[in-house]
C-alpha atoms as a PDB file:
ATOM      1  CA  MET A   1     -16.067 -31.849  -0.797  1.00  0.00           C
ATOM      2  CA  GLY A   2     -16.243 -31.403  -4.553  1.00  0.00           C
ATOM      3  CA  PHE A   3     -17.507 -34.934  -5.058  1.00  0.00           C
ATOM      4  CA  GLU A   4     -20.131 -34.458  -2.349  1.00  0.00           C
ATOM      5  CA  VAL A   5     -21.444 -31.373  -4.142  1.00  0.00           C
ATOM      6  CA  VAL A   6     -21.450 -33.100  -7.545  1.00  0.00           C
ATOM      7  CA  ASP A   7     -23.295 -36.085  -6.046  1.00  0.00           C
ATOM      8  CA  ALA A   8     -25.846 -33.760  -4.420  1.00  0.00           C
ATOM      9  CA  LEU A   9     -26.361 -31.866  -7.694  1.00  0.00           C
ATOM     10  CA  ALA A  10     -26.743 -35.142  -9.580  1.00  0.00           C
ATOM     11  CA  GLU A  11     -29.414 -36.252  -7.123  1.00  0.00           C
ATOM     12  CA  CYS A  12     -31.199 -32.901  -7.220  1.00  0.00           C
ATOM     13  CA  TRP A  13     -31.136 -32.717 -11.033  1.00  0.00           C
ATOM     14  CA  ASN A  14     -31.817 -36.440 -11.502  1.00  0.00           C
ATOM     15  CA  VAL A  15     -28.521 -36.955 -13.359  1.00  0.00           C
ATOM     16  CA  ARG A  16     -26.898 -40.360 -13.516  1.00  0.00           C
ATOM     17  CA  LEU A  17     -23.111 -40.211 -13.340  1.00  0.00           C
ATOM     18  CA  ASP A  18     -22.868 -43.519 -15.116  1.00  0.00           C
ATOM     19  CA  ARG A  19     -20.813 -42.662 -18.193  1.00  0.00           C
ATOM     20  CA  ARG A  20     -17.051 -43.073 -18.070  1.00  0.00           C
ATOM     21  CA  ARG A  21     -15.151 -40.685 -20.247  1.00  0.00           C
ATOM     22  CA  PHE A  22     -12.192 -38.319 -19.884  1.00  0.00           C
ATOM     23  CA  HIS A  23     -10.840 -40.373 -16.953  1.00  0.00           C
ATOM     24  CA  ALA A  24     -14.009 -39.395 -15.090  1.00  0.00           C
ATOM     25  CA  ARG A  25     -17.608 -40.257 -14.349  1.00  0.00           C
ATOM     26  CA  ILE A  26     -19.906 -37.823 -16.109  1.00  0.00           C
ATOM     27  CA  GLY A  27     -23.556 -37.025 -16.584  1.00  0.00           C
ATOM     28  CA  GLN A  28     -25.517 -34.312 -18.383  1.00  0.00           C
ATOM     29  CA  SER A  29     -28.679 -32.329 -17.761  1.00  0.00           C
ATOM     30  CA  ASN A  30     -30.426 -29.107 -18.675  1.00  0.00           C
ATOM     31  CA  VAL A  31     -30.583 -26.705 -15.751  1.00  0.00           C
ATOM     32  CA  ALA A  32     -31.876 -23.130 -15.879  1.00  0.00           C
ATOM     33  CA  GLY A  33     -32.003 -23.469 -19.664  1.00  0.00           C
ATOM     34  CA  LYS A  34     -28.343 -24.434 -19.879  1.00  0.00           C
ATOM     35  CA  ASN A  35     -26.715 -27.708 -20.855  1.00  0.00           C
ATOM     36  CA  VAL A  36     -24.779 -28.809 -17.765  1.00  0.00           C
ATOM     37  CA  ILE A  37     -22.112 -31.495 -17.538  1.00  0.00           C
ATOM     38  CA  LEU A  38     -21.261 -32.928 -14.123  1.00  0.00           C
ATOM     39  CA  LEU A  39     -17.794 -34.472 -13.913  1.00  0.00           C
ATOM     40  CA  LYS A  40     -16.058 -36.446 -11.174  1.00  0.00           C
ATOM     41  CA  PRO A  41     -12.430 -37.127 -12.117  1.00  0.00           C
ATOM     42  CA  CYS A  42     -11.222 -40.676 -11.464  1.00  0.00           C
ATOM     43  CA  THR A  43      -7.608 -39.521 -11.318  1.00  0.00           C
ATOM     44  CA  TYR A  44      -5.786 -38.540  -8.176  1.00  0.00           C
ATOM     45  CA  MET A  45      -6.882 -35.070  -7.078  1.00  0.00           C
ATOM     46  CA  ASN A  46      -3.487 -33.618  -8.030  1.00  0.00           C
ATOM     47  CA  ASN A  47      -4.096 -34.784 -11.630  1.00  0.00           C
ATOM     48  CA  SER A  48      -7.729 -33.697 -11.941  1.00  0.00           C
ATOM     49  CA  GLY A  49      -6.774 -31.210 -14.645  1.00  0.00           C
ATOM     50  CA  LEU A  50      -6.441 -34.133 -17.061  1.00  0.00           C
ATOM     51  CA  SER A  51     -10.170 -34.940 -16.844  1.00  0.00           C
ATOM     52  CA  VAL A  52     -11.283 -31.330 -16.725  1.00  0.00           C
ATOM     53  CA  SER A  53      -9.175 -30.237 -19.698  1.00  0.00           C
ATOM     54  CA  GLN A  54     -10.238 -33.211 -21.824  1.00  0.00           C
ATOM     55  CA  ALA A  55     -13.926 -32.487 -21.163  1.00  0.00           C
ATOM     56  CA  VAL A  56     -13.502 -28.739 -21.721  1.00  0.00           C
ATOM     57  CA  ASN A  57     -11.733 -29.375 -25.024  1.00  0.00           C
ATOM     58  CA  PHE A  58     -14.176 -32.047 -26.225  1.00  0.00           C
ATOM     59  CA  TYR A  59     -17.303 -30.025 -25.428  1.00  0.00           C
ATOM     60  CA  GLN A  60     -15.624 -26.752 -26.469  1.00  0.00           C
ATOM     61  CA  VAL A  61     -16.515 -25.093 -23.184  1.00  0.00           C
ATOM     62  CA  ASP A  62     -15.213 -21.602 -22.580  1.00  0.00           C
ATOM     63  CA  PRO A  63     -13.309 -21.947 -19.279  1.00  0.00           C
ATOM     64  CA  GLN A  64     -15.268 -18.952 -17.965  1.00  0.00           C
ATOM     65  CA  HIS A  65     -18.345 -21.225 -18.069  1.00  0.00           C
ATOM     66  CA  LEU A  66     -16.627 -23.834 -15.900  1.00  0.00           C
ATOM     67  CA  MET A  67     -17.304 -24.176 -12.161  1.00  0.00           C
ATOM     68  CA  VAL A  68     -14.784 -26.197 -10.151  1.00  0.00           C
ATOM     69  CA  VAL A  69     -15.738 -27.192  -6.605  1.00  0.00           C
ATOM     70  CA  VAL A  70     -12.882 -27.670  -4.125  1.00  0.00           C
ATOM     71  CA  ASP A  71     -12.190 -27.807  -0.419  1.00  0.00           C
ATOM     72  CA  ASP A  72     -10.291 -24.908   1.141  1.00  0.00           C
ATOM     73  CA  MET A  73      -8.271 -25.181   4.336  1.00  0.00           C
ATOM     74  CA  ASP A  74      -8.037 -21.372   4.566  1.00  0.00           C
ATOM     75  CA  LEU A  75     -11.794 -21.007   5.086  1.00  0.00           C
ATOM     76  CA  GLU A  76     -13.477 -22.003   8.320  1.00  0.00           C
ATOM     77  CA  PRO A  77     -15.496 -25.227   8.151  1.00  0.00           C
ATOM     78  CA  GLY A  78     -18.757 -24.796   6.292  1.00  0.00           C
ATOM     79  CA  ARG A  79     -18.032 -21.388   4.765  1.00  0.00           C
ATOM     80  CA  ILE A  80     -18.305 -21.178   0.980  1.00  0.00           C
ATOM     81  CA  ARG A  81     -16.754 -18.694  -1.376  1.00  0.00           C
ATOM     82  CA  ILE A  82     -17.594 -18.262  -5.049  1.00  0.00           C
ATOM     83  CA  ARG A  83     -15.009 -16.527  -7.184  1.00  0.00           C
ATOM     84  CA  SER A  84     -13.849 -16.082 -10.718  1.00  0.00           C
ATOM     85  CA  GLY A  85     -10.272 -16.788 -11.629  1.00  0.00           C
ATOM     86  CA  GLY A  86      -7.202 -16.260  -9.537  1.00  0.00           C
ATOM     87  CA  SER A  87      -4.431 -18.391  -8.183  1.00  0.00           C
ATOM     88  CA  ALA A  88      -4.717 -21.955  -6.999  1.00  0.00           C
ATOM     89  CA  GLY A  89      -4.108 -20.817  -3.436  1.00  0.00           C
ATOM     90  CA  GLY A  90      -1.938 -23.863  -2.769  1.00  0.00           C
ATOM     91  CA  HIS A  91      -4.635 -26.324  -3.883  1.00  0.00           C
ATOM     92  CA  HIS A  92      -2.828 -28.907  -6.032  1.00  0.00           C
ATOM     93  CA  GLY A  93      -5.957 -29.936  -7.927  1.00  0.00           C
ATOM     94  CA  LEU A  94      -6.563 -26.327  -8.959  1.00  0.00           C
ATOM     95  CA  GLU A  95      -2.882 -25.974  -9.872  1.00  0.00           C
ATOM     96  CA  ASP A  96      -3.210 -28.911 -12.262  1.00  0.00           C
ATOM     97  CA  ILE A  97      -6.433 -27.600 -13.783  1.00  0.00           C
ATOM     98  CA  ILE A  98      -4.872 -24.170 -14.336  1.00  0.00           C
ATOM     99  CA  ALA A  99      -1.751 -25.710 -15.887  1.00  0.00           C
ATOM    100  CA  ARG A 100      -3.692 -27.995 -18.246  1.00  0.00           C
ATOM    101  CA  LEU A 101      -6.248 -25.373 -19.288  1.00  0.00           C
ATOM    102  CA  GLY A 102      -3.564 -22.721 -19.657  1.00  0.00           C
ATOM    103  CA  THR A 103      -5.718 -20.212 -17.788  1.00  0.00           C
ATOM    104  CA  ASP A 104      -6.898 -19.424 -14.285  1.00  0.00           C
ATOM    105  CA  GLN A 105     -10.012 -17.715 -15.611  1.00  0.00           C
ATOM    106  CA  PHE A 106     -12.691 -20.148 -14.513  1.00  0.00           C
ATOM    107  CA  CYS A 107     -15.159 -20.084 -11.627  1.00  0.00           C
ATOM    108  CA  ARG A 108     -14.546 -21.828  -8.327  1.00  0.00           C
ATOM    109  CA  CYS A 109     -16.754 -22.771  -5.444  1.00  0.00           C
ATOM    110  CA  ARG A 110     -14.472 -23.152  -2.453  1.00  0.00           C
ATOM    111  CA  ILE A 111     -15.796 -24.958   0.598  1.00  0.00           C
ATOM    112  CA  GLY A 112     -14.096 -24.277   3.888  1.00  0.00           C
ATOM    113  CA  ILE A 113     -12.828 -27.282   5.791  1.00  0.00           C
ATOM    114  CA  GLY A 114     -10.606 -25.377   8.231  1.00  0.00           C
ATOM    115  CA  PHE A 115      -7.182 -26.603   9.231  1.00  0.00           C
ATOM    116  CA  ASP A 116      -5.587 -28.030  12.364  1.00  0.00           C
ATOM    117  CA  ARG A 117      -2.071 -26.573  12.346  1.00  0.00           C
ATOM    118  CA  ARG A 118      -0.857 -29.525  14.456  1.00  0.00           C
ATOM    119  CA  MET A 119      -1.252 -31.805  11.404  1.00  0.00           C
ATOM    120  CA  ASP A 120       0.206 -31.695   7.935  1.00  0.00           C
ATOM    121  CA  GLY A 121      -2.217 -30.687   5.179  1.00  0.00           C
ATOM    122  CA  ALA A 122      -2.627 -34.089   3.515  1.00  0.00           C
ATOM    123  CA  THR A 123      -3.302 -35.843   6.816  1.00  0.00           C
ATOM    124  CA  TYR A 124      -5.829 -33.180   7.801  1.00  0.00           C
ATOM    125  CA  VAL A 125      -7.706 -33.295   4.466  1.00  0.00           C
ATOM    126  CA  LEU A 126      -7.977 -37.088   4.661  1.00  0.00           C
ATOM    127  CA  SER A 127      -9.014 -37.159   8.328  1.00  0.00           C
ATOM    128  CA  ARG A 128     -12.617 -37.439   9.505  1.00  0.00           C
ATOM    129  CA  PRO A 129     -14.261 -34.186  10.528  1.00  0.00           C
ATOM    130  CA  THR A 130     -15.682 -33.867  14.012  1.00  0.00           C
ATOM    131  CA  PRO A 131     -19.472 -34.274  14.297  1.00  0.00           C
ATOM    132  CA  GLU A 132     -19.776 -30.486  14.615  1.00  0.00           C
ATOM    133  CA  GLU A 133     -17.625 -29.934  11.512  1.00  0.00           C
ATOM    134  CA  ARG A 134     -19.575 -32.631   9.609  1.00  0.00           C
ATOM    135  CA  GLN A 135     -22.802 -30.750  10.291  1.00  0.00           C
ATOM    136  CA  LEU A 136     -21.249 -27.527   8.962  1.00  0.00           C
ATOM    137  CA  LEU A 137     -19.878 -29.346   5.917  1.00  0.00           C
ATOM    138  CA  ASP A 138     -23.258 -30.926   5.158  1.00  0.00           C
ATOM    139  CA  GLN A 139     -24.823 -27.462   5.295  1.00  0.00           C
ATOM    140  CA  ALA A 140     -22.057 -26.178   3.002  1.00  0.00           C
ATOM    141  CA  VAL A 141     -22.862 -28.880   0.437  1.00  0.00           C
ATOM    142  CA  VAL A 142     -26.489 -27.744   0.363  1.00  0.00           C
ATOM    143  CA  ARG A 143     -25.459 -24.089   0.163  1.00  0.00           C
ATOM    144  CA  SER A 144     -22.912 -24.845  -2.587  1.00  0.00           C
ATOM    145  CA  CYS A 145     -25.617 -26.544  -4.651  1.00  0.00           C
ATOM    146  CA  GLN A 146     -27.827 -23.498  -4.172  1.00  0.00           C
ATOM    147  CA  ALA A 147     -24.953 -21.210  -5.177  1.00  0.00           C
ATOM    148  CA  ILE A 148     -24.215 -23.196  -8.321  1.00  0.00           C
ATOM    149  CA  GLU A 149     -27.868 -23.185  -9.352  1.00  0.00           C
ATOM    150  CA  TYR A 150     -27.971 -19.447  -8.679  1.00  0.00           C
ATOM    151  CA  TRP A 151     -24.795 -18.964 -10.754  1.00  0.00           C
ATOM    152  CA  LEU A 152     -26.389 -20.869 -13.647  1.00  0.00           C
ATOM    153  CA  GLY A 153     -29.530 -18.762 -13.509  1.00  0.00           C
ATOM    154  CA  TYR A 154     -28.246 -15.311 -12.610  1.00  0.00           C
ATOM    155  CA  GLY A 155     -24.523 -15.205 -13.312  1.00  0.00           C
ATOM    156  CA  LEU A 156     -21.331 -15.041 -11.340  1.00  0.00           C
ATOM    157  CA  GLU A 157     -21.510 -11.496  -9.968  1.00  0.00           C
ATOM    158  CA  LYS A 158     -24.933 -12.032  -8.405  1.00  0.00           C
ATOM    159  CA  ALA A 159     -23.916 -15.436  -7.041  1.00  0.00           C
ATOM    160  CA  MET A 160     -20.785 -13.944  -5.479  1.00  0.00           C
ATOM    161  CA  THR A 161     -22.741 -11.041  -3.975  1.00  0.00           C
ATOM    162  CA  TYR A 162     -25.336 -13.308  -2.412  1.00  0.00           C
ATOM    163  CA  PHE A 163     -23.345 -16.376  -1.364  1.00  0.00           C
ATOM    164  CA  ASN A 164     -20.043 -14.853  -0.248  1.00  0.00           C
ATOM    165  CA  ARG A 165     -21.698 -12.990   2.616  1.00  0.00           C
ATOM    166  CA  SER A 166     -20.454 -14.061   6.022  1.00  0.00           C
ATOM    167  CA  ASP A 167     -23.975 -14.356   7.434  1.00  0.00           C
ATOM    168  CA  GLY A 168     -25.129 -16.840   4.773  1.00  0.00           C
END
């Protein structure tokens, strides 16, 4: 889901993710008066902290100005949740980012994918969503892009207040 959101943001902001650096594909833009770097790690998800930490260190980004987009099996399909800091919640990519940055104080946009308890987690994450779930996930990508743009323009607290509502 994270890659889908980054691709959608790149399209919306007319950013080409054509540079390879930090074991990732990256692109830059100016959005809401802020220099923004989009990054898609080319490592396995469980090692995505390598790319993120290298970019954060190179560009000297305060981790509190970082937004990581991940899927979340604990949220129903299509639901998004913006938050600042906290645990990885069992997400191995977040665990690696936290370990390599040495902090959990960065923003996350979690996108609900639900979970079928009859499957193991890895199999479920890699399986195809149903057509109904796909529609919800497509809507969540659009909403996540809106939330990230809102976060850039108005800050985390306002983004959380607006986009974490259950009726959104």
